[in-house]
Amino acid sequence: MGADIIEIMCEPTNADGLSKNKLEGKLKAIGNSRDGARAAIRMAVDNGILLTVDGPRKSKLHILNPSEQI
């Protein structure tokens, strides 16, 4: 599922980052379970594939670690 996250985050429309809920929704839309999507996001953050940054209105956005971009 890590490859799914990288593929989603490399889409030009997601370059500014995605909230956890939006990323989870995109993972579920391509066939992943809710729990699987949540675990994959957590693992990607823990492994440094995704970085968490401050977004508008105190939100937290996930962005792809620049070293992971293809």
PDB file of N, CA and C in Angstrom:
ATOM      1  N   MET A   1       0.823  -1.188   0.000  1.00  0.00           N
ATOM      2  CA  MET A   1       0.000   0.000   0.000  1.00  0.00           C
ATOM      3  C   MET A   1       0.868   1.253   0.000  1.00  0.00           C
ATOM      4  N   GLY A   2       2.135   1.118   0.384  1.00  0.00           N
ATOM      5  CA  GLY A   2       3.043   2.262   0.333  1.00  0.00           C
ATOM      6  C   GLY A   2       3.187   2.801  -1.069  1.00  0.00           C
ATOM      7  N   ALA A   3       3.184   1.887  -2.057  1.00  0.00           N
ATOM      8  CA  ALA A   3       3.264   2.326  -3.455  1.00  0.00           C
ATOM      9  C   ALA A   3       2.017   3.115  -3.834  1.00  0.00           C
ATOM     10  N   ASP A   4       0.856   2.721  -3.309  1.00  0.00           N
ATOM     11  CA  ASP A   4      -0.379   3.465  -3.566  1.00  0.00           C
ATOM     12  C   ASP A   4      -0.273   4.883  -3.028  1.00  0.00           C
ATOM     13  N   ILE A   5       0.286   5.028  -1.845  1.00  0.00           N
ATOM     14  CA  ILE A   5       0.428   6.360  -1.239  1.00  0.00           C
ATOM     15  C   ILE A   5       1.351   7.219  -2.084  1.00  0.00           C
ATOM     16  N   ILE A   6       2.471   6.662  -2.504  1.00  0.00           N
ATOM     17  CA  ILE A   6       3.420   7.429  -3.318  1.00  0.00           C
ATOM     18  C   ILE A   6       2.765   7.841  -4.627  1.00  0.00           C
ATOM     19  N   GLU A   7       2.040   6.919  -5.254  1.00  0.00           N
ATOM     20  CA  GLU A   7       1.364   7.229  -6.517  1.00  0.00           C
ATOM     21  C   GLU A   7       0.340   8.354  -6.333  1.00  0.00           C
ATOM     22  N   ILE A   8      -0.446   8.283  -5.280  1.00  0.00           N
ATOM     23  CA  ILE A   8      -1.450   9.319  -5.002  1.00  0.00           C
ATOM     24  C   ILE A   8      -0.771  10.660  -4.750  1.00  0.00           C
ATOM     25  N   MET A   9       0.271  10.661  -3.949  1.00  0.00           N
ATOM     26  CA  MET A   9       0.923  11.909  -3.588  1.00  0.00           C
ATOM     27  C   MET A   9       1.704  12.523  -4.747  1.00  0.00           C
ATOM     28  N   CYS A  10       2.070  11.732  -5.746  1.00  0.00           N
ATOM     29  CA  CYS A  10       2.797  12.253  -6.910  1.00  0.00           C
ATOM     30  C   CYS A  10       1.865  12.900  -7.930  1.00  0.00           C
ATOM     31  N   GLU A  11       0.561  12.743  -7.760  1.00  0.00           N
ATOM     32  CA  GLU A  11      -0.372  13.397  -8.676  1.00  0.00           C
ATOM     33  C   GLU A  11      -0.234  14.904  -8.508  1.00  0.00           C
ATOM     34  N   PRO A  12      -0.172  15.645  -9.618  1.00  0.00           N
ATOM     35  CA  PRO A  12       0.021  17.100  -9.533  1.00  0.00           C
ATOM     36  C   PRO A  12      -1.021  17.816  -8.669  1.00  0.00           C
ATOM     37  N   THR A  13      -2.240  17.330  -8.633  1.00  0.00           N
ATOM     38  CA  THR A  13      -3.288  17.989  -7.851  1.00  0.00           C
ATOM     39  C   THR A  13      -3.077  17.824  -6.353  1.00  0.00           C
ATOM     40  N   ASN A  14      -2.204  16.916  -5.950  1.00  0.00           N
ATOM     41  CA  ASN A  14      -1.963  16.663  -4.528  1.00  0.00           C
ATOM     42  C   ASN A  14      -0.625  17.225  -4.052  1.00  0.00           C
ATOM     43  N   ALA A  15       0.020  18.032  -4.881  1.00  0.00           N
ATOM     44  CA  ALA A  15       1.358  18.542  -4.570  1.00  0.00           C
ATOM     45  C   ALA A  15       1.387  19.398  -3.310  1.00  0.00           C
ATOM     46  N   ASP A  16       0.292  20.074  -2.999  1.00  0.00           N
ATOM     47  CA  ASP A  16       0.254  20.933  -1.815  1.00  0.00           C
ATOM     48  C   ASP A  16      -0.059  20.171  -0.543  1.00  0.00           C
ATOM     49  N   GLY A  17      -0.315  18.875  -0.651  1.00  0.00           N
ATOM     50  CA  GLY A  17      -0.580  18.049   0.515  1.00  0.00           C
ATOM     51  C   GLY A  17      -2.039  17.651   0.633  1.00  0.00           C
ATOM     52  N   LEU A  18      -2.265  16.611   1.412  1.00  0.00           N
ATOM     53  CA  LEU A  18      -3.606  16.100   1.665  1.00  0.00           C
ATOM     54  C   LEU A  18      -3.795  15.886   3.155  1.00  0.00           C
ATOM     55  N   SER A  19      -4.997  16.143   3.611  1.00  0.00           N
ATOM     56  CA  SER A  19      -5.312  15.816   4.993  1.00  0.00           C
ATOM     57  C   SER A  19      -5.355  14.296   5.128  1.00  0.00           C
ATOM     58  N   LYS A  20      -5.293  13.829   6.349  1.00  0.00           N
ATOM     59  CA  LYS A  20      -5.371  12.383   6.581  1.00  0.00           C
ATOM     60  C   LYS A  20      -6.676  11.823   6.031  1.00  0.00           C
ATOM     61  N   ASN A  21      -7.766  12.540   6.242  1.00  0.00           N
ATOM     62  CA  ASN A  21      -9.066  12.060   5.778  1.00  0.00           C
ATOM     63  C   ASN A  21      -9.128  11.976   4.249  1.00  0.00           C
ATOM     64  N   LYS A  22      -8.586  12.966   3.562  1.00  0.00           N
ATOM     65  CA  LYS A  22      -8.608  12.938   2.097  1.00  0.00           C
ATOM     66  C   LYS A  22      -7.719  11.822   1.565  1.00  0.00           C
ATOM     67  N   LEU A  23      -6.548  11.663   2.161  1.00  0.00           N
ATOM     68  CA  LEU A  23      -5.649  10.593   1.730  1.00  0.00           C
ATOM     69  C   LEU A  23      -6.286   9.235   1.991  1.00  0.00           C
ATOM     70  N   GLU A  24      -6.894   9.091   3.144  1.00  0.00           N
ATOM     71  CA  GLU A  24      -7.591   7.842   3.470  1.00  0.00           C
ATOM     72  C   GLU A  24      -8.705   7.576   2.445  1.00  0.00           C
ATOM     73  N   GLY A  25      -9.457   8.601   2.091  1.00  0.00           N
ATOM     74  CA  GLY A  25     -10.528   8.459   1.107  1.00  0.00           C
ATOM     75  C   GLY A  25     -10.006   8.027  -0.256  1.00  0.00           C
ATOM     76  N   LYS A  26      -8.883   8.584  -0.667  1.00  0.00           N
ATOM     77  CA  LYS A  26      -8.297   8.204  -1.953  1.00  0.00           C
ATOM     78  C   LYS A  26      -7.805   6.755  -1.928  1.00  0.00           C
ATOM     79  N   LEU A  27      -7.243   6.342  -0.807  1.00  0.00           N
ATOM     80  CA  LEU A  27      -6.804   4.950  -0.680  1.00  0.00           C
ATOM     81  C   LEU A  27      -7.998   4.000  -0.711  1.00  0.00           C
ATOM     82  N   LYS A  28      -9.074   4.379  -0.037  1.00  0.00           N
ATOM     83  CA  LYS A  28     -10.279   3.544  -0.034  1.00  0.00           C
ATOM     84  C   LYS A  28     -10.894   3.492  -1.428  1.00  0.00           C
ATOM     85  N   ALA A  29     -10.812   4.583  -2.190  1.00  0.00           N
ATOM     86  CA  ALA A  29     -11.396   4.634  -3.535  1.00  0.00           C
ATOM     87  C   ALA A  29     -10.711   3.665  -4.501  1.00  0.00           C
ATOM     88  N   ILE A  30      -9.463   3.314  -4.201  1.00  0.00           N
ATOM     89  CA  ILE A  30      -8.776   2.365  -5.084  1.00  0.00           C
ATOM     90  C   ILE A  30      -8.766   0.951  -4.499  1.00  0.00           C
ATOM     91  N   GLY A  31      -9.639   0.729  -3.500  1.00  0.00           N
ATOM     92  CA  GLY A  31      -9.864  -0.630  -3.045  1.00  0.00           C
ATOM     93  C   GLY A  31      -9.270  -1.032  -1.718  1.00  0.00           C
ATOM     94  N   ASN A  32      -8.692  -0.111  -0.989  1.00  0.00           N
ATOM     95  CA  ASN A  32      -8.124  -0.447   0.316  1.00  0.00           C
ATOM     96  C   ASN A  32      -9.175  -0.296   1.408  1.00  0.00           C
ATOM     97  N   SER A  33      -9.068  -1.085   2.448  1.00  0.00           N
ATOM     98  CA  SER A  33     -10.000  -0.977   3.568  1.00  0.00           C
ATOM     99  C   SER A  33      -9.669   0.261   4.398  1.00  0.00           C
ATOM    100  N   ARG A  34     -10.618   0.696   5.200  1.00  0.00           N
ATOM    101  CA  ARG A  34     -10.400   1.853   6.064  1.00  0.00           C
ATOM    102  C   ARG A  34      -9.246   1.601   7.024  1.00  0.00           C
ATOM    103  N   ASP A  35      -9.261   0.455   7.688  1.00  0.00           N
ATOM    104  CA  ASP A  35      -8.205   0.145   8.652  1.00  0.00           C
ATOM    105  C   ASP A  35      -6.855  -0.017   7.962  1.00  0.00           C
ATOM    106  N   GLY A  36      -6.860  -0.627   6.788  1.00  0.00           N
ATOM    107  CA  GLY A  36      -5.619  -0.778   6.025  1.00  0.00           C
ATOM    108  C   GLY A  36      -5.055   0.561   5.594  1.00  0.00           C
ATOM    109  N   ALA A  37      -5.944   1.458   5.155  1.00  0.00           N
ATOM    110  CA  ALA A  37      -5.514   2.794   4.736  1.00  0.00           C
ATOM    111  C   ALA A  37      -4.929   3.552   5.913  1.00  0.00           C
ATOM    112  N   ARG A  38      -5.589   3.487   7.058  1.00  0.00           N
ATOM    113  CA  ARG A  38      -5.095   4.186   8.248  1.00  0.00           C
ATOM    114  C   ARG A  38      -3.738   3.650   8.682  1.00  0.00           C
ATOM    115  N   ALA A  39      -3.589   2.345   8.649  1.00  0.00           N
ATOM    116  CA  ALA A  39      -2.311   1.733   9.032  1.00  0.00           C
ATOM    117  C   ALA A  39      -1.206   2.119   8.055  1.00  0.00           C
ATOM    118  N   ALA A  40      -1.531   2.166   6.771  1.00  0.00           N
ATOM    119  CA  ALA A  40      -0.536   2.523   5.764  1.00  0.00           C
ATOM    120  C   ALA A  40      -0.091   3.973   5.921  1.00  0.00           C
ATOM    121  N   ILE A  41      -1.027   4.869   6.202  1.00  0.00           N
ATOM    122  CA  ILE A  41      -0.677   6.279   6.412  1.00  0.00           C
ATOM    123  C   ILE A  41       0.220   6.407   7.636  1.00  0.00           C
ATOM    124  N   ARG A  42      -0.156   5.752   8.710  1.00  0.00           N
ATOM    125  CA  ARG A  42       0.636   5.797   9.949  1.00  0.00           C
ATOM    126  C   ARG A  42       2.053   5.255   9.690  1.00  0.00           C
ATOM    127  N   MET A  43       2.155   4.149   8.963  1.00  0.00           N
ATOM    128  CA  MET A  43       3.450   3.552   8.674  1.00  0.00           C
ATOM    129  C   MET A  43       4.283   4.467   7.772  1.00  0.00           C
ATOM    130  N   ALA A  44       3.633   5.105   6.786  1.00  0.00           N
ATOM    131  CA  ALA A  44       4.349   6.010   5.889  1.00  0.00           C
ATOM    132  C   ALA A  44       4.912   7.215   6.645  1.00  0.00           C
ATOM    133  N   VAL A  45       4.161   7.724   7.604  1.00  0.00           N
ATOM    134  CA  VAL A  45       4.647   8.833   8.424  1.00  0.00           C
ATOM    135  C   VAL A  45       5.796   8.350   9.314  1.00  0.00           C
ATOM    136  N   ASP A  46       5.615   7.207   9.960  1.00  0.00           N
ATOM    137  CA  ASP A  46       6.653   6.662  10.851  1.00  0.00           C
ATOM    138  C   ASP A  46       7.953   6.372  10.100  1.00  0.00           C
ATOM    139  N   ASN A  47       7.847   5.951   8.833  1.00  0.00           N
ATOM    140  CA  ASN A  47       9.028   5.600   8.039  1.00  0.00           C
ATOM    141  C   ASN A  47       9.600   6.784   7.270  1.00  0.00           C
ATOM    142  N   GLY A  48       8.987   7.959   7.408  1.00  0.00           N
ATOM    143  CA  GLY A  48       9.516   9.153   6.753  1.00  0.00           C
ATOM    144  C   GLY A  48       9.140   9.301   5.291  1.00  0.00           C
ATOM    145  N   ILE A  49       8.229   8.464   4.806  1.00  0.00           N
ATOM    146  CA  ILE A  49       7.782   8.601   3.419  1.00  0.00           C
ATOM    147  C   ILE A  49       6.888   9.831   3.291  1.00  0.00           C
ATOM    148  N   LEU A  50       6.043  10.044   4.292  1.00  0.00           N
ATOM    149  CA  LEU A  50       5.188  11.218   4.345  1.00  0.00           C
ATOM    150  C   LEU A  50       5.659  12.127   5.471  1.00  0.00           C
ATOM    151  N   LEU A  51       5.597  13.417   5.217  1.00  0.00           N
ATOM    152  CA  LEU A  51       5.874  14.416   6.237  1.00  0.00           C
ATOM    153  C   LEU A  51       4.575  15.118   6.572  1.00  0.00           C
ATOM    154  N   THR A  52       4.425  15.557   7.805  1.00  0.00           N
ATOM    155  CA  THR A  52       3.237  16.286   8.231  1.00  0.00           C
ATOM    156  C   THR A  52       3.614  17.751   8.399  1.00  0.00           C
ATOM    157  N   VAL A  53       2.846  18.619   7.729  1.00  0.00           N
ATOM    158  CA  VAL A  53       3.102  20.061   7.790  1.00  0.00           C
ATOM    159  C   VAL A  53       1.824  20.784   8.185  1.00  0.00           C
ATOM    160  N   ASP A  54       1.985  22.009   8.668  1.00  0.00           N
ATOM    161  CA  ASP A  54       0.829  22.827   9.016  1.00  0.00           C
ATOM    162  C   ASP A  54       0.149  23.320   7.743  1.00  0.00           C
ATOM    163  N   GLY A  55      -1.172  23.231   7.741  1.00  0.00           N
ATOM    164  CA  GLY A  55      -1.970  23.708   6.626  1.00  0.00           C
ATOM    165  C   GLY A  55      -2.826  24.881   7.052  1.00  0.00           C
ATOM    166  N   PRO A  56      -3.750  25.274   6.206  1.00  0.00           N
ATOM    167  CA  PRO A  56      -4.619  26.399   6.547  1.00  0.00           C
ATOM    168  C   PRO A  56      -5.550  26.067   7.712  1.00  0.00           C
ATOM    169  N   ARG A  57      -5.888  27.073   8.470  1.00  0.00           N
ATOM    170  CA  ARG A  57      -6.825  26.951   9.595  1.00  0.00           C
ATOM    171  C   ARG A  57      -6.444  25.842  10.566  1.00  0.00           C
ATOM    172  N   LYS A  58      -5.166  25.789  10.921  1.00  0.00           N
ATOM    173  CA  LYS A  58      -4.638  24.831  11.906  1.00  0.00           C
ATOM    174  C   LYS A  58      -4.769  23.367  11.483  1.00  0.00           C
ATOM    175  N   SER A  59      -4.940  23.141  10.193  1.00  0.00           N
ATOM    176  CA  SER A  59      -5.020  21.756   9.720  1.00  0.00           C
ATOM    177  C   SER A  59      -3.615  21.170   9.606  1.00  0.00           C
ATOM    178  N   LYS A  60      -3.553  19.870   9.506  1.00  0.00           N
ATOM    179  CA  LYS A  60      -2.299  19.155   9.290  1.00  0.00           C
ATOM    180  C   LYS A  60      -2.408  18.477   7.928  1.00  0.00           C
ATOM    181  N   LEU A  61      -1.395  18.683   7.094  1.00  0.00           N
ATOM    182  CA  LEU A  61      -1.381  18.086   5.767  1.00  0.00           C
ATOM    183  C   LEU A  61      -0.226  17.109   5.657  1.00  0.00           C
ATOM    184  N   HIS A  62      -0.437  16.078   4.881  1.00  0.00           N
ATOM    185  CA  HIS A  62       0.619  15.117   4.592  1.00  0.00           C
ATOM    186  C   HIS A  62       1.179  15.447   3.214  1.00  0.00           C
ATOM    187  N   ILE A  63       2.495  15.515   3.149  1.00  0.00           N
ATOM    188  CA  ILE A  63       3.176  15.718   1.876  1.00  0.00           C
ATOM    189  C   ILE A  63       4.185  14.599   1.698  1.00  0.00           C
ATOM    190  N   LEU A  64       4.510  14.334   0.461  1.00  0.00           N
ATOM    191  CA  LEU A  64       5.508  13.314   0.162  1.00  0.00           C
ATOM    192  C   LEU A  64       6.886  13.863   0.498  1.00  0.00           C
ATOM    193  N   ASN A  65       7.661  13.104   1.215  1.00  0.00           N
ATOM    194  CA  ASN A  65       9.033  13.491   1.525  1.00  0.00           C
ATOM    195  C   ASN A  65       9.759  13.706   0.197  1.00  0.00           C
ATOM    196  N   PRO A  66      10.413  14.867   0.009  1.00  0.00           N
ATOM    197  CA  PRO A  66      11.083  15.127  -1.277  1.00  0.00           C
ATOM    198  C   PRO A  66      12.046  14.038  -1.705  1.00  0.00           C
ATOM    199  N   SER A  67      12.656  13.333  -0.780  1.00  0.00           N
ATOM    200  CA  SER A  67      13.585  12.257  -1.148  1.00  0.00           C
ATOM    201  C   SER A  67      12.856  11.030  -1.702  1.00  0.00           C
ATOM    202  N   GLU A  68      11.528  10.965  -1.572  1.00  0.00           N
ATOM    203  CA  GLU A  68      10.741   9.833  -2.069  1.00  0.00           C
ATOM    204  C   GLU A  68      10.175  10.087  -3.465  1.00  0.00           C
ATOM    205  N   GLN A  69      10.261  11.341  -3.940  1.00  0.00           N
ATOM    206  CA  GLN A  69       9.668  11.664  -5.235  1.00  0.00           C
ATOM    207  C   GLN A  69      10.483  11.039  -6.355  1.00  0.00           C
ATOM    208  N   ILE A  70       9.763  10.615  -7.358  1.00  0.00           N
ATOM    209  CA  ILE A  70      10.392   9.920  -8.495  1.00  0.00           C
ATOM    210  C   ILE A  70      10.830  10.930  -9.529  1.00  0.00           C
TER     211      ILE A  70
END
